[in-house]
Amino acid sequence: DKRYEIVKELYATEKTYVSCLVKVSKLFVVPLKFASTSEHPILQKDEITSVFSNIETIWALNKTLLTELETRFENWSPTQKVGDAFYNLAPYFKMYKEYSR
């Protein structure tokens, strides 16, 4: 069914995106924040914020969306809905405005 294929693609794409956010955080944000408290920081805290903005908050939002999509994907039926997952999180997507600056 076409809806299933679309939801499958949404789920797979969101899973990849969340995985990438985790990697960026673990490989760059966390070490840079830790180093920023050292005597010779690589970047200052404000520079880290300028580069990575609110990526950790974005990760939390998209992890929540991924969980919602996963639940719907695993319990798929022809009447399964996914729009409500986006609708319920819609107010939080405003944080992308800060992230995209």
C-alpha atoms as a PDB file:
ATOM      1  CA  ASP A   1       0.000   0.000   0.000  1.00  0.00           C
ATOM      2  CA  LYS A   2       1.267   3.469  -0.914  1.00  0.00           C
ATOM      3  CA  ARG A   3       0.651   5.004   2.529  1.00  0.00           C
ATOM      4  CA  TYR A   4       2.749   2.272   4.125  1.00  0.00           C
ATOM      5  CA  GLU A   5       5.637   2.994   1.751  1.00  0.00           C
ATOM      6  CA  ILE A   6       5.436   6.716   2.526  1.00  0.00           C
ATOM      7  CA  VAL A   7       5.435   6.132   6.292  1.00  0.00           C
ATOM      8  CA  LYS A   8       8.273   3.638   5.891  1.00  0.00           C
ATOM      9  CA  GLU A   9      10.315   6.317   4.093  1.00  0.00           C
ATOM     10  CA  LEU A  10       9.424   8.968   6.698  1.00  0.00           C
ATOM     11  CA  TYR A  11      10.496   6.619   9.480  1.00  0.00           C
ATOM     12  CA  ALA A  12      13.753   5.640   7.761  1.00  0.00           C
ATOM     13  CA  THR A  13      14.638   9.260   6.992  1.00  0.00           C
ATOM     14  CA  GLU A  14      13.871  10.402  10.540  1.00  0.00           C
ATOM     15  CA  LYS A  15      15.924   7.529  11.958  1.00  0.00           C
ATOM     16  CA  THR A  16      18.914   8.549   9.810  1.00  0.00           C
ATOM     17  CA  TYR A  17      18.503  12.209  10.773  1.00  0.00           C
ATOM     18  CA  VAL A  18      18.362  11.438  14.502  1.00  0.00           C
ATOM     19  CA  SER A  19      21.423   9.226  14.142  1.00  0.00           C
ATOM     20  CA  CYS A  20      23.308  12.073  12.463  1.00  0.00           C
ATOM     21  CA  LEU A  21      22.309  14.505  15.200  1.00  0.00           C
ATOM     22  CA  VAL A  22      23.608  12.061  17.825  1.00  0.00           C
ATOM     23  CA  LYS A  23      26.924  11.727  15.978  1.00  0.00           C
ATOM     24  CA  VAL A  24      27.370  15.483  15.667  1.00  0.00           C
ATOM     25  CA  SER A  25      26.629  15.892  19.351  1.00  0.00           C
ATOM     26  CA  LYS A  26      28.913  13.076  20.532  1.00  0.00           C
ATOM     27  CA  LEU A  27      31.786  13.791  18.148  1.00  0.00           C
ATOM     28  CA  PHE A  28      31.766  17.581  18.222  1.00  0.00           C
ATOM     29  CA  VAL A  29      29.391  19.378  20.601  1.00  0.00           C
ATOM     30  CA  VAL A  30      30.092  17.428  23.789  1.00  0.00           C
ATOM     31  CA  PRO A  31      33.910  17.378  23.376  1.00  0.00           C
ATOM     32  CA  LEU A  32      33.987  21.047  22.416  1.00  0.00           C
ATOM     33  CA  LYS A  33      31.845  22.009  25.405  1.00  0.00           C
ATOM     34  CA  PHE A  34      34.089  19.963  27.682  1.00  0.00           C
ATOM     35  CA  ALA A  35      37.213  21.543  26.181  1.00  0.00           C
ATOM     36  CA  SER A  36      35.701  25.019  26.535  1.00  0.00           C
ATOM     37  CA  THR A  37      36.171  24.775  30.295  1.00  0.00           C
ATOM     38  CA  SER A  38      39.868  23.994  29.920  1.00  0.00           C
ATOM     39  CA  GLU A  39      42.749  26.433  30.099  1.00  0.00           C
ATOM     40  CA  HIS A  40      43.154  26.380  26.290  1.00  0.00           C
ATOM     41  CA  PRO A  41      39.713  25.891  24.756  1.00  0.00           C
ATOM     42  CA  ILE A  42      39.365  25.108  21.066  1.00  0.00           C
ATOM     43  CA  LEU A  43      36.262  27.304  20.902  1.00  0.00           C
ATOM     44  CA  GLN A  44      34.608  29.565  23.442  1.00  0.00           C
ATOM     45  CA  LYS A  45      31.116  28.638  24.660  1.00  0.00           C
ATOM     46  CA  ASP A  46      29.499  31.420  22.637  1.00  0.00           C
ATOM     47  CA  GLU A  47      31.298  30.195  19.497  1.00  0.00           C
ATOM     48  CA  ILE A  48      30.052  26.655  20.094  1.00  0.00           C
ATOM     49  CA  THR A  49      26.523  28.000  20.456  1.00  0.00           C
ATOM     50  CA  SER A  50      26.971  30.053  17.295  1.00  0.00           C
ATOM     51  CA  VAL A  51      28.049  26.988  15.301  1.00  0.00           C
ATOM     52  CA  PHE A  52      25.749  24.343  16.769  1.00  0.00           C
ATOM     53  CA  SER A  53      22.902  26.459  18.123  1.00  0.00           C
ATOM     54  CA  ASN A  54      20.293  24.354  19.936  1.00  0.00           C
ATOM     55  CA  ILE A  55      21.181  21.051  18.264  1.00  0.00           C
ATOM     56  CA  GLU A  56      20.680  19.076  21.475  1.00  0.00           C
ATOM     57  CA  THR A  57      17.124  20.398  21.808  1.00  0.00           C
ATOM     58  CA  ILE A  58      16.524  19.637  18.130  1.00  0.00           C
ATOM     59  CA  TRP A  59      17.784  16.103  18.764  1.00  0.00           C
ATOM     60  CA  ALA A  60      15.308  15.649  21.646  1.00  0.00           C
ATOM     61  CA  LEU A  61      12.403  16.852  19.490  1.00  0.00           C
ATOM     62  CA  ASN A  62      13.301  14.594  16.590  1.00  0.00           C
ATOM     63  CA  LYS A  63      13.881  11.633  18.899  1.00  0.00           C
ATOM     64  CA  THR A  64      10.329  12.122  20.159  1.00  0.00           C
ATOM     65  CA  LEU A  65       9.047  12.279  16.585  1.00  0.00           C
ATOM     66  CA  LEU A  66      11.028   9.157  15.710  1.00  0.00           C
ATOM     67  CA  THR A  67       9.504   7.285  18.651  1.00  0.00           C
ATOM     68  CA  GLU A  68       6.018   8.326  17.539  1.00  0.00           C
ATOM     69  CA  LEU A  69       6.673   7.249  13.951  1.00  0.00           C
ATOM     70  CA  GLU A  70       8.217   3.976  15.116  1.00  0.00           C
ATOM     71  CA  THR A  71       5.151   3.117  17.184  1.00  0.00           C
ATOM     72  CA  ARG A  72       2.864   3.782  14.245  1.00  0.00           C
ATOM     73  CA  PHE A  73       5.120   1.933  11.793  1.00  0.00           C
ATOM     74  CA  GLU A  74       5.372  -1.154  14.022  1.00  0.00           C
ATOM     75  CA  ASN A  75       1.587  -1.224  14.540  1.00  0.00           C
ATOM     76  CA  TRP A  76       0.729  -0.457  10.944  1.00  0.00           C
ATOM     77  CA  SER A  77      -2.790  -0.929   9.655  1.00  0.00           C
ATOM     78  CA  PRO A  78      -4.573   0.612   6.671  1.00  0.00           C
ATOM     79  CA  THR A  79      -6.284   3.054   9.054  1.00  0.00           C
ATOM     80  CA  GLN A  80      -3.143   4.028  11.004  1.00  0.00           C
ATOM     81  CA  LYS A  81      -2.593   7.774  11.292  1.00  0.00           C
ATOM     82  CA  VAL A  82       0.704   9.636  11.384  1.00  0.00           C
ATOM     83  CA  GLY A  83      -0.360  13.250  10.943  1.00  0.00           C
ATOM     84  CA  ASP A  84      -1.202  13.573  14.619  1.00  0.00           C
ATOM     85  CA  ALA A  85       2.442  12.907  15.533  1.00  0.00           C
ATOM     86  CA  PHE A  86       3.469  15.982  13.542  1.00  0.00           C
ATOM     87  CA  TYR A  87       0.457  17.986  14.696  1.00  0.00           C
ATOM     88  CA  ASN A  88       1.165  17.315  18.388  1.00  0.00           C
ATOM     89  CA  LEU A  89       4.793  18.368  17.997  1.00  0.00           C
ATOM     90  CA  ALA A  90       4.113  21.312  15.668  1.00  0.00           C
ATOM     91  CA  PRO A  91       4.556  24.020  18.326  1.00  0.00           C
ATOM     92  CA  TYR A  92       8.042  22.691  19.084  1.00  0.00           C
ATOM     93  CA  PHE A  93       9.198  22.805  15.481  1.00  0.00           C
ATOM     94  CA  LYS A  94       9.501  26.567  15.954  1.00  0.00           C
ATOM     95  CA  MET A  95      12.880  25.877  17.554  1.00  0.00           C
ATOM     96  CA  TYR A  96      14.197  25.209  14.058  1.00  0.00           C
ATOM     97  CA  LYS A  97      13.990  28.953  13.478  1.00  0.00           C
ATOM     98  CA  GLU A  98      16.842  29.471  15.941  1.00  0.00           C
ATOM     99  CA  TYR A  99      18.681  26.412  14.630  1.00  0.00           C
ATOM    100  CA  SER A 100      18.597  27.630  11.029  1.00  0.00           C
ATOM    101  CA  ARG A 101      20.072  31.071  11.729  1.00  0.00           C
END
